[in-house]
C-alpha atoms as a PDB file:
ATOM      1  CA  UNK A   1      -0.020  -0.026   0.031  1.00  0.00           C
ATOM      2  CA  UNK A   2       1.350   3.460  -0.919  1.00  0.00           C
ATOM      3  CA  UNK A   3       1.448   6.330   1.522  1.00  0.00           C
ATOM      4  CA  UNK A   4       0.068   9.624   0.435  1.00  0.00           C
ATOM      5  CA  UNK A   5       2.505  12.495   1.109  1.00  0.00           C
ATOM      6  CA  UNK A   6       0.994  14.971   3.685  1.00  0.00           C
ATOM      7  CA  UNK A   7       1.704  17.999   1.476  1.00  0.00           C
ATOM      8  CA  UNK A   8      -0.203  16.474  -1.390  1.00  0.00           C
ATOM      9  CA  UNK A   9      -3.217  15.720   0.890  1.00  0.00           C
ATOM     10  CA  UNK A  10      -3.165  19.380   2.151  1.00  0.00           C
ATOM     11  CA  UNK A  11      -2.997  20.629  -1.482  1.00  0.00           C
ATOM     12  CA  UNK A  12      -6.043  18.523  -2.483  1.00  0.00           C
ATOM     13  CA  UNK A  13      -7.962  19.696   0.550  1.00  0.00           C
ATOM     14  CA  UNK A  14      -7.183  23.304  -0.243  1.00  0.00           C
ATOM     15  CA  UNK A  15      -8.170  23.004  -3.806  1.00  0.00           C
ATOM     16  CA  UNK A  16     -11.439  21.308  -2.719  1.00  0.00           C
ATOM     17  CA  UNK A  17     -12.263  23.973  -0.167  1.00  0.00           C
ATOM     18  CA  UNK A  18     -11.394  26.735  -2.645  1.00  0.00           C
ATOM     19  CA  UNK A  19     -13.745  25.226  -5.250  1.00  0.00           C
ATOM     20  CA  UNK A  20     -16.504  24.906  -2.659  1.00  0.00           C
ATOM     21  CA  UNK A  21     -16.026  28.518  -1.586  1.00  0.00           C
ATOM     22  CA  UNK A  22     -16.198  29.649  -5.234  1.00  0.00           C
ATOM     23  CA  UNK A  23     -19.405  27.760  -5.750  1.00  0.00           C
ATOM     24  CA  UNK A  24     -20.982  29.327  -2.702  1.00  0.00           C
ATOM     25  CA  UNK A  25     -19.967  32.825  -3.797  1.00  0.00           C
ATOM     26  CA  UNK A  26     -21.381  32.267  -7.269  1.00  0.00           C
ATOM     27  CA  UNK A  27     -24.628  30.951  -5.876  1.00  0.00           C
ATOM     28  CA  UNK A  28     -25.386  34.117  -3.774  1.00  0.00           C
ATOM     29  CA  UNK A  29     -26.759  36.282  -6.643  1.00  0.00           C
ATOM     30  CA  UNK A  30     -29.272  33.524  -7.476  1.00  0.00           C
ATOM     31  CA  UNK A  31     -30.637  33.360  -3.877  1.00  0.00           C
ATOM     32  CA  UNK A  32     -30.835  37.159  -3.695  1.00  0.00           C
ATOM     33  CA  UNK A  33     -32.778  37.237  -7.003  1.00  0.00           C
ATOM     34  CA  UNK A  34     -35.241  34.636  -5.718  1.00  0.00           C
ATOM     35  CA  UNK A  35     -36.007  36.705  -2.726  1.00  0.00           C
ATOM     36  CA  UNK A  36     -37.176  39.794  -4.713  1.00  0.00           C
ATOM     37  CA  UNK A  37     -40.454  41.146  -3.361  1.00  0.00           C
ATOM     38  CA  UNK A  38     -43.453  40.253  -5.551  1.00  0.00           C
ATOM     39  CA  UNK A  39     -45.623  43.012  -6.937  1.00  0.00           C
ATOM     40  CA  UNK A  40     -49.338  42.727  -7.553  1.00  0.00           C
ATOM     41  CA  UNK A  41     -51.956  44.790  -9.345  1.00  0.00           C
ATOM     42  CA  UNK A  42     -55.494  45.029  -8.013  1.00  0.00           C
ATOM     43  CA  UNK A  43     -58.766  45.740  -9.886  1.00  0.00           C
ATOM     44  CA  UNK A  44     -62.079  46.432  -8.220  1.00  0.00           C
ATOM     45  CA  UNK A  45     -65.178  45.872 -10.448  1.00  0.00           C
ATOM     46  CA  UNK A  46     -68.728  46.656  -9.503  1.00  0.00           C
ATOM     47  CA  UNK A  47     -71.273  44.317 -11.017  1.00  0.00           C
ATOM     48  CA  UNK A  48     -75.113  43.840 -11.125  1.00  0.00           C
ATOM     49  CA  UNK A  49     -76.192  41.290  -8.493  1.00  0.00           C
ATOM     50  CA  UNK A  50     -77.319  38.677 -10.956  1.00  0.00           C
ATOM     51  CA  UNK A  51     -75.575  35.376 -11.496  1.00  0.00           C
ATOM     52  CA  UNK A  52     -75.173  35.675 -15.228  1.00  0.00           C
ATOM     53  CA  UNK A  53     -73.580  39.124 -15.116  1.00  0.00           C
ATOM     54  CA  UNK A  54     -71.223  38.109 -12.291  1.00  0.00           C
ATOM     55  CA  UNK A  55     -70.172  34.946 -14.130  1.00  0.00           C
ATOM     56  CA  UNK A  56     -69.514  36.898 -17.332  1.00  0.00           C
ATOM     57  CA  UNK A  57     -67.281  39.411 -15.456  1.00  0.00           C
ATOM     58  CA  UNK A  58     -65.455  36.468 -13.641  1.00  0.00           C
ATOM     59  CA  UNK A  59     -64.762  34.802 -16.943  1.00  0.00           C
ATOM     60  CA  UNK A  60     -63.653  37.962 -18.650  1.00  0.00           C
ATOM     61  CA  UNK A  61     -61.144  38.960 -15.993  1.00  0.00           C
ATOM     62  CA  UNK A  62     -60.028  35.347 -15.404  1.00  0.00           C
ATOM     63  CA  UNK A  63     -59.158  34.954 -19.078  1.00  0.00           C
ATOM     64  CA  UNK A  64     -56.950  38.061 -18.816  1.00  0.00           C
ATOM     65  CA  UNK A  65     -54.942  36.608 -15.947  1.00  0.00           C
ATOM     66  CA  UNK A  66     -56.792  38.175 -13.024  1.00  0.00           C
ATOM     67  CA  UNK A  67     -57.589  36.110  -9.950  1.00  0.00           C
ATOM     68  CA  UNK A  68     -60.633  36.801  -7.779  1.00  0.00           C
ATOM     69  CA  UNK A  69     -59.399  37.372  -4.202  1.00  0.00           C
ATOM     70  CA  UNK A  70     -62.500  38.878  -2.513  1.00  0.00           C
ATOM     71  CA  UNK A  71     -66.089  39.963  -2.934  1.00  0.00           C
ATOM     72  CA  UNK A  72     -67.315  43.034  -1.114  1.00  0.00           C
ATOM     73  CA  UNK A  73     -71.037  43.942  -0.906  1.00  0.00           C
ATOM     74  CA  UNK A  74     -70.395  47.693  -0.724  1.00  0.00           C
ATOM     75  CA  UNK A  75     -73.876  49.228  -0.276  1.00  0.00           C
ATOM     76  CA  UNK A  76     -75.550  45.799  -0.347  1.00  0.00           C
ATOM     77  CA  UNK A  77     -76.915  46.234  -3.842  1.00  0.00           C
ATOM     78  CA  UNK A  78     -73.863  46.136  -6.084  1.00  0.00           C
ATOM     79  CA  UNK A  79     -71.193  43.495  -5.331  1.00  0.00           C
ATOM     80  CA  UNK A  80     -67.584  44.469  -5.814  1.00  0.00           C
ATOM     81  CA  UNK A  81     -65.321  41.765  -7.286  1.00  0.00           C
ATOM     82  CA  UNK A  82     -61.716  42.361  -6.201  1.00  0.00           C
ATOM     83  CA  UNK A  83     -59.131  40.799  -8.505  1.00  0.00           C
ATOM     84  CA  UNK A  84     -55.394  40.510  -8.237  1.00  0.00           C
ATOM     85  CA  UNK A  85     -52.735  39.898 -11.010  1.00  0.00           C
END
């Protein structure tokens, strides 16, 4: 069995640690980019209180990428659909 010279072992360990450190430094911009704050748009739409009209508006905004997040009754006669994109 051959013995490994201690200086060779230290050199391999140093290169390995240097490569690991370089990978960690290169990975930091990707983690910072992933933590960017999300931005949303909101849209409030008043509709007539009948099912057909509400369904039409929901489909219209949904097909444009808007997501319904809340329904407010406002003055109790005209529902307000609150969308988020």
